[in-house]
């Protein structure tokens, strides 16, 4: 069962990545979601380099009483703060084959609240 889910997500990911491309001025904001954690990177696809990253594993973001959706929103805000400090205001959102729902949606809304535009 899990193998079918993974293959379906990878198929959707390939379809989305045909259209989504990041540059140094407007990097691609790529999300990875595991069962416990959530990770996000700003990627320059021209040079193949990761510009910034944030995750729920960062020490100051994690506290035991919050839900994973709240932690995802904090990760989005933390990435937005790092991006604005480095002069990045616009990004292209790459949901990486995941549904825009739950933690992925919360991360995106947190990044928007932090000042990123996409």
N, C-alpha and C. Protein backbone atom coordinates (compact mmCIF):
# COMPACT_ATOMS: atom_id res chain seq x y z
N UNK A 1 0.82 -1.21 0.00
CA UNK A 1 0.00 0.00 0.00
C UNK A 1 0.86 1.26 0.00
N UNK A 2 1.84 1.29 0.87
CA UNK A 2 2.68 2.48 0.96
C UNK A 2 3.45 2.71 -0.33
N UNK A 3 3.83 1.63 -1.01
CA UNK A 3 4.55 1.76 -2.25
C UNK A 3 3.70 2.44 -3.31
N UNK A 4 2.40 2.11 -3.37
CA UNK A 4 1.50 2.75 -4.34
C UNK A 4 1.36 4.24 -4.04
N UNK A 5 1.27 4.57 -2.74
CA UNK A 5 1.15 5.98 -2.36
C UNK A 5 2.39 6.76 -2.77
N UNK A 6 3.57 6.17 -2.54
CA UNK A 6 4.81 6.84 -2.90
C UNK A 6 4.91 7.03 -4.41
N UNK A 7 4.56 6.01 -5.17
CA UNK A 7 4.61 6.13 -6.63
C UNK A 7 3.65 7.18 -7.14
N UNK A 8 2.47 7.26 -6.54
CA UNK A 8 1.49 8.27 -6.95
C UNK A 8 2.02 9.67 -6.65
N UNK A 9 2.64 9.86 -5.47
CA UNK A 9 3.19 11.17 -5.11
C UNK A 9 4.32 11.56 -6.05
N UNK A 10 5.17 10.60 -6.41
CA UNK A 10 6.28 10.89 -7.32
C UNK A 10 5.77 11.25 -8.71
N UNK A 11 4.68 10.63 -9.13
CA UNK A 11 4.09 10.95 -10.43
C UNK A 11 3.55 12.39 -10.44
N UNK A 12 2.87 12.76 -9.36
CA UNK A 12 2.36 14.12 -9.24
C UNK A 12 3.53 15.11 -9.16
N UNK A 13 4.58 14.72 -8.43
CA UNK A 13 5.76 15.58 -8.28
C UNK A 13 6.39 15.88 -9.64
N UNK A 14 6.54 14.85 -10.47
CA UNK A 14 7.12 15.05 -11.80
C UNK A 14 6.26 15.98 -12.65
N UNK A 15 4.95 15.84 -12.53
CA UNK A 15 4.04 16.67 -13.31
C UNK A 15 4.14 18.13 -12.87
N UNK A 16 4.25 18.37 -11.56
CA UNK A 16 4.34 19.73 -11.05
C UNK A 16 5.69 20.35 -11.38
N UNK A 17 6.77 19.56 -11.29
CA UNK A 17 8.11 20.09 -11.50
C UNK A 17 8.37 20.47 -12.96
N UNK A 18 7.53 20.01 -13.89
CA UNK A 18 7.66 20.46 -15.27
C UNK A 18 7.37 21.94 -15.38
N UNK A 19 6.51 22.45 -14.50
CA UNK A 19 6.05 23.83 -14.58
C UNK A 19 6.76 24.76 -13.60
N UNK A 20 7.23 24.23 -12.48
CA UNK A 20 7.79 25.04 -11.40
C UNK A 20 9.31 25.07 -11.53
N UNK A 21 9.88 26.29 -11.60
CA UNK A 21 11.32 26.46 -11.76
C UNK A 21 11.76 27.67 -10.95
N UNK A 22 12.85 27.54 -10.21
CA UNK A 22 13.32 28.62 -9.37
C UNK A 22 14.60 29.24 -9.88
N UNK A 23 14.74 30.53 -9.67
CA UNK A 23 15.96 31.25 -10.02
C UNK A 23 16.52 31.87 -8.74
N UNK A 24 17.61 32.61 -8.86
CA UNK A 24 18.21 33.25 -7.69
C UNK A 24 17.29 34.35 -7.16
N UNK A 25 16.59 35.06 -8.08
CA UNK A 25 15.70 36.14 -7.66
C UNK A 25 14.39 35.59 -7.08
N UNK A 26 13.83 34.57 -7.72
CA UNK A 26 12.61 33.93 -7.23
C UNK A 26 12.87 32.43 -7.08
N UNK A 27 13.42 32.02 -5.94
CA UNK A 27 13.76 30.61 -5.77
C UNK A 27 12.52 29.73 -5.58
N UNK A 28 12.74 28.44 -5.78
CA UNK A 28 11.68 27.45 -5.59
C UNK A 28 11.64 27.07 -4.12
N UNK A 29 10.45 27.16 -3.52
CA UNK A 29 10.27 26.80 -2.12
C UNK A 29 9.76 25.37 -2.07
N UNK A 30 10.66 24.43 -1.79
CA UNK A 30 10.34 23.01 -1.83
C UNK A 30 10.06 22.49 -0.43
N UNK A 31 8.96 21.73 -0.29
CA UNK A 31 8.51 21.21 1.00
C UNK A 31 8.72 19.70 1.02
N UNK A 32 9.25 19.19 2.14
CA UNK A 32 9.29 17.75 2.37
C UNK A 32 8.62 17.49 3.70
N UNK A 33 7.73 16.52 3.71
CA UNK A 33 6.94 16.22 4.89
C UNK A 33 7.17 14.76 5.26
N UNK A 34 7.69 14.51 6.44
CA UNK A 34 7.78 13.14 6.95
C UNK A 34 6.65 12.95 7.97
N UNK A 35 6.60 11.81 8.60
CA UNK A 35 5.52 11.57 9.55
C UNK A 35 5.64 12.49 10.78
N UNK A 36 6.86 12.79 11.20
CA UNK A 36 7.06 13.60 12.40
C UNK A 36 7.46 15.04 12.11
N UNK A 37 8.27 15.24 11.10
CA UNK A 37 8.89 16.55 10.87
C UNK A 37 8.42 17.14 9.54
N UNK A 38 8.78 18.42 9.33
CA UNK A 38 8.54 19.09 8.05
C UNK A 38 9.76 19.95 7.73
N UNK A 39 10.17 19.91 6.48
CA UNK A 39 11.37 20.61 6.04
C UNK A 39 11.01 21.48 4.84
N UNK A 40 11.70 22.61 4.71
CA UNK A 40 11.46 23.49 3.57
C UNK A 40 12.80 24.09 3.15
N UNK A 41 13.00 24.22 1.82
CA UNK A 41 14.23 24.79 1.27
C UNK A 41 13.88 25.81 0.21
N UNK A 42 14.74 26.80 0.07
CA UNK A 42 14.68 27.72 -1.06
C UNK A 42 15.80 27.31 -2.00
N UNK A 43 15.45 26.95 -3.24
CA UNK A 43 16.39 26.35 -4.17
C UNK A 43 16.50 27.20 -5.43
N UNK A 44 17.75 27.45 -5.85
CA UNK A 44 18.05 28.09 -7.13
C UNK A 44 18.32 26.97 -8.12
N UNK A 45 17.38 26.71 -9.04
CA UNK A 45 17.51 25.60 -9.97
C UNK A 45 18.52 25.85 -11.07
N UNK A 46 18.84 27.09 -11.35
CA UNK A 46 19.83 27.39 -12.39
C UNK A 46 21.21 26.91 -11.95
N UNK A 47 21.59 27.22 -10.71
CA UNK A 47 22.89 26.80 -10.18
C UNK A 47 22.82 25.49 -9.43
N UNK A 48 21.61 24.99 -9.18
CA UNK A 48 21.45 23.75 -8.43
C UNK A 48 21.89 23.88 -6.99
N UNK A 49 21.58 25.02 -6.38
CA UNK A 49 22.05 25.29 -5.02
C UNK A 49 20.88 25.59 -4.10
N UNK A 50 21.01 25.15 -2.85
CA UNK A 50 20.04 25.49 -1.82
C UNK A 50 20.47 26.81 -1.19
N UNK A 51 19.58 27.80 -1.24
CA UNK A 51 19.90 29.12 -0.71
C UNK A 51 19.65 29.20 0.79
N UNK A 52 18.49 28.73 1.22
CA UNK A 52 18.10 28.76 2.64
C UNK A 52 17.32 27.50 2.96
N UNK A 53 17.26 27.17 4.25
CA UNK A 53 16.43 26.06 4.66
C UNK A 53 15.93 26.29 6.07
N UNK A 54 14.84 25.60 6.40
CA UNK A 54 14.29 25.62 7.75
C UNK A 54 13.58 24.28 7.96
N UNK A 55 13.50 23.87 9.20
CA UNK A 55 12.81 22.63 9.49
C UNK A 55 12.25 22.65 10.89
N UNK A 56 11.40 21.68 11.16
CA UNK A 56 10.83 21.57 12.50
C UNK A 56 11.83 20.99 13.47
N UNK A 57 12.97 20.54 13.00
CA UNK A 57 14.02 20.01 13.87
C UNK A 57 14.87 21.10 14.47
N UNK A 58 14.73 22.33 13.99
CA UNK A 58 15.46 23.45 14.57
C UNK A 58 15.02 23.61 16.02
N UNK A 59 15.96 23.81 16.91
CA UNK A 59 15.70 23.77 18.34
C UNK A 59 14.69 24.78 18.85
N UNK A 60 14.75 26.02 18.36
CA UNK A 60 13.87 27.06 18.90
C UNK A 60 12.43 26.92 18.42
N UNK A 61 12.17 26.12 17.39
CA UNK A 61 10.82 25.99 16.86
C UNK A 61 10.01 24.91 17.56
N UNK A 62 10.70 23.97 18.18
CA UNK A 62 10.00 22.80 18.68
C UNK A 62 9.63 22.97 20.15
N UNK A 63 8.38 22.75 20.44
CA UNK A 63 7.93 22.62 21.83
C UNK A 63 6.87 21.53 21.86
N UNK A 64 6.83 20.77 22.93
CA UNK A 64 6.05 19.54 22.97
C UNK A 64 4.55 19.69 22.92
N UNK A 65 3.98 20.82 23.34
CA UNK A 65 2.53 20.94 23.48
C UNK A 65 1.81 21.29 22.18
N UNK A 66 2.54 21.68 21.16
CA UNK A 66 1.89 22.16 19.93
C UNK A 66 1.61 21.02 18.97
N UNK A 67 0.65 21.24 18.09
CA UNK A 67 0.36 20.25 17.06
C UNK A 67 1.33 20.41 15.90
N UNK A 68 1.38 19.42 15.04
CA UNK A 68 2.29 19.46 13.90
C UNK A 68 1.90 20.57 12.93
N UNK A 69 0.62 20.90 12.86
CA UNK A 69 0.16 21.98 11.98
C UNK A 69 0.68 23.32 12.48
N UNK A 70 0.67 23.53 13.80
CA UNK A 70 1.20 24.77 14.37
C UNK A 70 2.71 24.87 14.16
N UNK A 71 3.40 23.76 14.31
CA UNK A 71 4.85 23.75 14.10
C UNK A 71 5.16 24.07 12.63
N UNK A 72 4.37 23.55 11.70
CA UNK A 72 4.58 23.84 10.27
C UNK A 72 4.42 25.32 9.99
N UNK A 73 3.44 25.97 10.62
CA UNK A 73 3.27 27.42 10.44
C UNK A 73 4.47 28.17 10.97
N UNK A 74 5.03 27.73 12.09
CA UNK A 74 6.22 28.38 12.64
C UNK A 74 7.42 28.21 11.72
N UNK A 75 7.55 27.03 11.09
CA UNK A 75 8.64 26.79 10.16
C UNK A 75 8.51 27.74 8.96
N UNK A 76 7.29 27.93 8.46
CA UNK A 76 7.06 28.86 7.35
C UNK A 76 7.44 30.28 7.71
N UNK A 77 7.07 30.71 8.91
CA UNK A 77 7.42 32.06 9.36
C UNK A 77 8.93 32.20 9.53
N UNK A 78 9.59 31.18 10.06
CA UNK A 78 11.04 31.22 10.25
C UNK A 78 11.76 31.32 8.91
N UNK A 79 11.29 30.57 7.91
CA UNK A 79 11.91 30.65 6.59
C UNK A 79 11.68 32.02 5.98
N UNK A 80 10.50 32.58 6.16
CA UNK A 80 10.20 33.91 5.61
C UNK A 80 11.10 34.96 6.24
N UNK A 81 11.36 34.86 7.54
CA UNK A 81 12.25 35.82 8.19
C UNK A 81 13.67 35.71 7.64
N UNK A 82 14.16 34.47 7.45
CA UNK A 82 15.50 34.27 6.88
C UNK A 82 15.57 34.82 5.46
N UNK A 83 14.49 34.59 4.69
CA UNK A 83 14.48 35.03 3.29
C UNK A 83 14.48 36.55 3.19
N UNK A 84 13.65 37.21 3.98
CA UNK A 84 13.61 38.68 3.92
C UNK A 84 14.93 39.27 4.40
N UNK A 85 15.60 38.61 5.35
CA UNK A 85 16.91 39.08 5.79
C UNK A 85 17.95 38.96 4.68
N UNK A 86 17.77 38.00 3.78
CA UNK A 86 18.68 37.81 2.65
C UNK A 86 18.20 38.49 1.38
N UNK A 87 17.14 39.28 1.45
CA UNK A 87 16.67 40.04 0.31
C UNK A 87 15.80 39.27 -0.66
N UNK A 88 15.18 38.21 -0.23
CA UNK A 88 14.30 37.42 -1.08
C UNK A 88 12.86 37.71 -0.66
N UNK A 89 12.06 38.20 -1.60
CA UNK A 89 10.66 38.53 -1.29
C UNK A 89 9.68 37.63 -2.03
N UNK A 90 10.04 37.18 -3.23
CA UNK A 90 9.15 36.36 -4.05
C UNK A 90 9.73 34.96 -4.20
N UNK A 91 8.85 33.95 -4.10
CA UNK A 91 9.26 32.56 -4.29
C UNK A 91 8.22 31.86 -5.15
N UNK A 92 8.59 30.68 -5.64
CA UNK A 92 7.67 29.81 -6.37
C UNK A 92 7.44 28.60 -5.49
N UNK A 93 6.19 28.29 -5.17
CA UNK A 93 5.88 27.23 -4.21
C UNK A 93 5.86 25.87 -4.90
N UNK A 94 6.61 24.92 -4.35
CA UNK A 94 6.66 23.55 -4.84
C UNK A 94 6.17 22.64 -3.71
N UNK A 95 4.96 22.13 -3.85
CA UNK A 95 4.39 21.29 -2.78
C UNK A 95 4.93 19.87 -2.84
N UNK A 96 5.74 19.56 -3.84
CA UNK A 96 6.50 18.31 -3.90
C UNK A 96 5.61 17.08 -3.99
N UNK A 97 4.45 17.21 -4.62
CA UNK A 97 3.55 16.07 -4.80
C UNK A 97 2.57 15.87 -3.67
N UNK A 98 2.70 16.64 -2.59
CA UNK A 98 1.77 16.52 -1.47
C UNK A 98 0.53 17.36 -1.76
N UNK A 99 -0.59 16.97 -1.16
CA UNK A 99 -1.80 17.77 -1.29
C UNK A 99 -1.62 19.10 -0.56
N UNK A 100 -2.20 20.16 -1.10
CA UNK A 100 -2.17 21.46 -0.44
C UNK A 100 -3.25 21.44 0.64
N UNK A 101 -2.91 20.82 1.76
CA UNK A 101 -3.87 20.58 2.83
C UNK A 101 -3.08 20.27 4.09
N UNK A 102 -3.59 20.66 5.23
CA UNK A 102 -2.95 20.29 6.49
C UNK A 102 -1.65 21.02 6.72
N UNK A 103 -0.58 20.25 6.95
CA UNK A 103 0.71 20.84 7.29
C UNK A 103 1.32 21.64 6.15
N UNK A 104 1.13 21.17 4.90
CA UNK A 104 1.69 21.90 3.75
C UNK A 104 1.00 23.25 3.61
N UNK A 105 -0.30 23.28 3.77
CA UNK A 105 -1.06 24.53 3.70
C UNK A 105 -0.67 25.46 4.84
N UNK A 106 -0.51 24.91 6.03
CA UNK A 106 -0.13 25.71 7.19
C UNK A 106 1.25 26.33 7.01
N UNK A 107 2.18 25.57 6.44
CA UNK A 107 3.51 26.09 6.18
C UNK A 107 3.45 27.24 5.19
N UNK A 108 2.68 27.07 4.12
CA UNK A 108 2.55 28.12 3.11
C UNK A 108 1.92 29.38 3.70
N UNK A 109 0.89 29.23 4.51
CA UNK A 109 0.25 30.39 5.12
C UNK A 109 1.18 31.09 6.10
N UNK A 110 1.98 30.31 6.83
CA UNK A 110 2.97 30.90 7.74
C UNK A 110 4.02 31.69 6.98
N UNK A 111 4.44 31.18 5.83
CA UNK A 111 5.43 31.90 5.01
C UNK A 111 4.82 33.20 4.46
N UNK A 112 3.55 33.15 4.08
CA UNK A 112 2.88 34.36 3.60
C UNK A 112 2.77 35.39 4.70
N UNK A 113 2.44 34.94 5.93
CA UNK A 113 2.35 35.85 7.07
C UNK A 113 3.71 36.47 7.37
N UNK A 114 4.77 35.71 7.13
CA UNK A 114 6.11 36.20 7.36
C UNK A 114 6.59 37.19 6.32
N UNK A 115 5.87 37.30 5.20
CA UNK A 115 6.22 38.31 4.20
C UNK A 115 6.60 37.78 2.84
N UNK A 116 6.61 36.48 2.63
CA UNK A 116 6.94 35.95 1.30
C UNK A 116 5.72 36.05 0.39
N UNK A 117 5.98 36.27 -0.90
CA UNK A 117 4.90 36.35 -1.90
C UNK A 117 5.06 35.22 -2.88
N UNK A 118 3.96 34.46 -3.08
CA UNK A 118 3.93 33.42 -4.11
C UNK A 118 2.51 33.10 -4.49
